[in-house]
C-alpha cells in the first residue's frame, strides 16, 4: 500500500500533463528587448535569424521595419519575406503582417518586428502580440522586438520618468511566456 501512495504523489496531475503537452506543441518565443527605439533590436533579431538560416533552419520575415537604416536593410537581403496584406481602412490601404500566409507557409521560425504594434481595424487581432500568440499556438517559433516602455506593468513608471504615456502595450504574460529574452543596448 505505501508504494501506491508514493506512485500517486510522484505522478504529475492531469492539468500539469496537459500544460506540458501544450507547451511542447507550441512554438518558442524569443524577445529582443530594448530600453528605447534605435538601440539595435531589429538589427540583432536579423543577425540571430541569419545565424539560424545558416544552420539550415527555415526562417522567414513576417514583418520587419528597417526605418531606413542601411545596415538593417542589408541584413534583410537573403531572407524570404512573406508579403504583407493590404487592409482597407477609411479608403486607405494599410499594410499589415499576413498571418494567414505565414501559417499556410509553416516556417520553423518567423521574424516579427514591433510586438506592441496596434493592427489596422479589420485585422483578425487588434494587436500584433495576439498574432504572435496565434503563430506560437501553430507550433511556429517567433523572434520579436519590444521596447521596455511597452510592457504594461512598466507603463506608469515610464510615464512618470518621461512624462509620456505609451498607448501601445503588451501584457506582462507575453514576457512570462517567452522562452528567451535578450536585452539589447548599443
Protein backbone atom coordinates (compact mmCIF):
# COMPACT_ATOMS: atom_id res chain seq x y z
CA UNK A 1 0.00 0.00 0.00
CA UNK A 2 2.74 2.57 0.76
CA UNK A 3 4.17 2.05 -2.78
CA UNK A 4 0.80 3.01 -4.30
CA UNK A 5 0.71 6.23 -2.28
CA UNK A 6 4.26 7.11 -3.31
CA UNK A 7 3.46 6.47 -7.02
CA UNK A 8 0.42 8.75 -6.85
CA UNK A 9 2.44 11.52 -5.19
CA UNK A 10 5.19 11.31 -7.84
CA UNK A 11 2.81 11.42 -10.79
CA UNK A 12 2.04 14.84 -12.28
CA UNK A 13 -1.57 15.97 -12.25
CA UNK A 14 -3.62 15.73 -15.46
CA UNK A 15 -3.59 19.54 -15.66
CA UNK A 16 0.20 19.60 -15.38
CA UNK A 17 0.49 16.96 -18.12
CA UNK A 18 -1.87 18.91 -20.38
CA UNK A 19 0.06 22.15 -19.81
CA UNK A 20 3.36 20.39 -20.58
CA UNK A 21 1.92 18.85 -23.78
CA UNK A 22 0.59 22.22 -24.95
CA UNK A 23 3.94 23.90 -24.21
CA UNK A 24 5.84 21.25 -26.16
CA UNK A 25 3.47 21.55 -29.13
CA UNK A 26 3.71 25.33 -29.29
CA UNK A 27 6.44 27.42 -30.84
CA UNK A 28 9.28 29.02 -28.93
CA UNK A 29 9.32 32.79 -28.34
CA UNK A 30 12.43 34.96 -28.17
CA UNK A 31 12.04 38.66 -27.39
CA UNK A 32 14.76 41.21 -28.23
CA UNK A 33 14.08 43.81 -25.53
CA UNK A 34 15.46 47.34 -25.57
CA UNK A 35 15.24 50.44 -23.43
CA UNK A 36 14.40 52.73 -26.35
CA UNK A 37 13.94 52.94 -30.11
CA UNK A 38 17.16 52.74 -32.12
CA UNK A 39 19.20 50.56 -29.75
CA UNK A 40 19.56 47.74 -32.29
CA UNK A 41 16.73 45.30 -31.51
CA UNK A 42 15.74 44.73 -35.13
CA UNK A 43 19.38 44.50 -36.17
CA UNK A 44 20.10 41.83 -33.54
CA UNK A 45 16.91 39.93 -34.40
CA UNK A 46 18.01 39.82 -38.05
CA UNK A 47 21.56 38.76 -37.12
CA UNK A 48 20.15 35.94 -34.97
CA UNK A 49 17.71 34.95 -37.70
CA UNK A 50 20.53 34.92 -40.25
CA UNK A 51 22.53 32.58 -37.96
CA UNK A 52 19.55 30.20 -37.78
CA UNK A 53 19.22 30.40 -41.58
CA UNK A 54 22.91 29.44 -41.89
CA UNK A 55 22.18 26.41 -39.67
CA UNK A 56 19.63 25.25 -42.25
CA UNK A 57 16.56 26.38 -40.28
CA UNK A 58 13.56 27.53 -42.35
CA UNK A 59 13.34 31.24 -41.45
CA UNK A 60 11.06 33.87 -42.98
CA UNK A 61 10.36 37.52 -42.30
CA UNK A 62 6.77 38.19 -41.27
CA UNK A 63 7.33 41.90 -40.78
CA UNK A 64 10.49 43.97 -40.28
CA UNK A 65 10.72 47.75 -40.06
CA UNK A 66 14.18 48.96 -41.10
CA UNK A 67 13.31 52.65 -40.50
CA UNK A 68 15.56 53.50 -43.44
CA UNK A 69 18.73 52.22 -41.75
CA UNK A 70 21.05 50.88 -44.48
CA UNK A 71 22.80 48.39 -42.21
CA UNK A 72 19.48 46.91 -41.12
CA UNK A 73 18.14 46.84 -44.69
CA UNK A 74 21.27 44.96 -45.81
CA UNK A 75 20.53 42.23 -43.25
CA UNK A 76 17.05 41.71 -44.73
CA UNK A 77 18.58 40.58 -48.03
CA UNK A 78 18.65 36.80 -48.42
CA UNK A 79 15.57 36.15 -46.29
CA UNK A 80 12.28 35.01 -47.72
CA UNK A 81 9.79 37.79 -46.95
CA UNK A 82 6.11 36.91 -46.60
CA UNK A 83 4.32 39.74 -48.43
CA UNK A 84 2.21 41.99 -46.26
CA UNK A 85 -1.56 42.03 -46.56
CA UNK A 86 -3.45 45.17 -47.53
CA UNK A 87 -6.17 46.10 -45.06
CA UNK A 88 -8.67 48.75 -46.16
CA UNK A 89 -9.16 51.45 -43.55
CA UNK A 90 -11.24 54.53 -44.35
CA UNK A 91 -10.42 54.29 -48.04
CA UNK A 92 -6.70 53.78 -47.47
CA UNK A 93 -4.82 50.53 -47.90
CA UNK A 94 -2.70 49.84 -44.82
CA UNK A 95 -0.15 47.04 -44.91
CA UNK A 96 -0.12 44.53 -42.07
CA UNK A 97 1.62 41.23 -41.44
CA UNK A 98 -0.20 38.44 -43.32
CA UNK A 99 -0.90 36.00 -40.51
CA UNK A 100 -2.76 33.52 -42.73
CA UNK A 101 0.05 33.43 -45.30
CA UNK A 102 2.63 32.73 -42.59
CA UNK A 103 0.53 29.94 -41.08
CA UNK A 104 -0.03 28.44 -44.55
CA UNK A 105 3.72 28.66 -45.27
CA UNK A 106 4.57 26.99 -41.91
CA UNK A 107 8.19 28.08 -41.44
CA UNK A 108 10.14 26.85 -38.44
CA UNK A 109 10.91 30.47 -37.43
CA UNK A 110 9.33 33.81 -38.31
CA UNK A 111 10.80 37.25 -37.54
CA UNK A 112 8.16 39.71 -36.31
CA UNK A 113 9.22 43.26 -35.52
CA UNK A 114 7.41 45.62 -33.09
CA UNK A 115 5.46 43.26 -30.84
CA UNK A 116 3.39 46.11 -29.31
CA UNK A 117 2.10 47.31 -32.70
CA UNK A 118 -1.63 48.02 -32.99
CA UNK A 119 -3.02 46.35 -36.11
CA UNK A 120 -5.28 48.19 -38.52
CA UNK A 121 -9.01 47.86 -37.84
CA UNK A 122 -10.32 44.87 -39.78
CA UNK A 123 -7.32 42.69 -38.92
CA UNK A 124 -8.05 39.38 -37.21
CA UNK A 125 -6.43 40.56 -33.98
CA UNK A 126 -6.28 44.14 -32.68
CA UNK A 127 -2.63 43.77 -31.55
CA UNK A 128 0.44 42.15 -33.06
CA UNK A 129 1.25 40.27 -29.85
CA UNK A 130 -2.02 38.36 -30.40
CA UNK A 131 -0.85 37.48 -33.92
CA UNK A 132 2.36 36.18 -32.34
CA UNK A 133 0.42 34.10 -29.83
CA UNK A 134 -1.50 32.51 -32.72
CA UNK A 135 1.75 31.72 -34.55
CA UNK A 136 3.14 30.11 -31.40
CA UNK A 137 -0.03 28.04 -30.97
CA UNK A 138 0.54 26.74 -34.51
CA UNK A 139 3.99 25.46 -33.47
CA UNK A 140 5.90 28.24 -35.26
CA UNK A 141 8.88 29.77 -33.43
CA UNK A 142 8.93 33.59 -33.26
CA UNK A 143 11.71 36.14 -32.79
CA UNK A 144 10.27 39.56 -31.98
CA UNK A 145 11.29 43.02 -30.75
CA UNK A 146 9.91 45.12 -27.92
CA UNK A 147 10.81 48.35 -26.13
CA UNK A 148 10.63 48.25 -22.33
CA UNK A 149 8.13 51.13 -22.18
CA UNK A 150 5.60 48.92 -23.99
CA UNK A 151 5.47 46.40 -21.11
CA UNK A 152 2.11 47.01 -19.44
CA UNK A 153 3.26 46.89 -15.81
CA UNK A 154 6.07 49.38 -16.50
CA UNK A 155 3.89 51.88 -18.37
CA UNK A 156 3.16 54.07 -15.31
CA UNK A 157 6.83 54.13 -14.26
CA UNK A 158 7.93 55.13 -17.77
CA UNK A 159 5.25 57.84 -17.87
CA UNK A 160 6.49 59.26 -14.55
CA UNK A 161 10.07 59.41 -15.83
CA UNK A 162 9.44 60.60 -19.39
CA UNK A 163 6.10 62.36 -18.94
CA UNK A 164 4.91 60.41 -21.99
CA UNK A 165 2.07 57.91 -21.78
CA UNK A 166 2.64 54.96 -24.09
CA UNK A 167 -0.63 53.67 -25.50
CA UNK A 168 0.65 50.53 -27.24
CA UNK A 169 1.41 47.97 -24.55
CA UNK A 170 1.70 44.22 -24.20
CA UNK A 171 0.62 42.32 -21.10
CA UNK A 172 3.32 41.03 -18.80
CA UNK A 173 2.09 37.49 -19.56
CA UNK A 174 3.71 37.68 -23.01
CA UNK A 175 7.08 38.34 -21.32
CA UNK A 176 6.40 35.48 -18.91
CA UNK A 177 5.59 33.26 -21.92
CA UNK A 178 8.94 34.00 -23.62
CA UNK A 179 11.44 31.17 -23.74
CA UNK A 180 14.28 33.68 -24.10
CA UNK A 181 14.61 37.44 -23.57
CA UNK A 182 17.74 39.15 -24.89
CA UNK A 183 18.44 42.66 -23.63
CA UNK A 184 19.72 44.90 -26.44
CA UNK A 185 21.62 48.11 -25.77
CA UNK A 186 24.06 49.89 -28.04
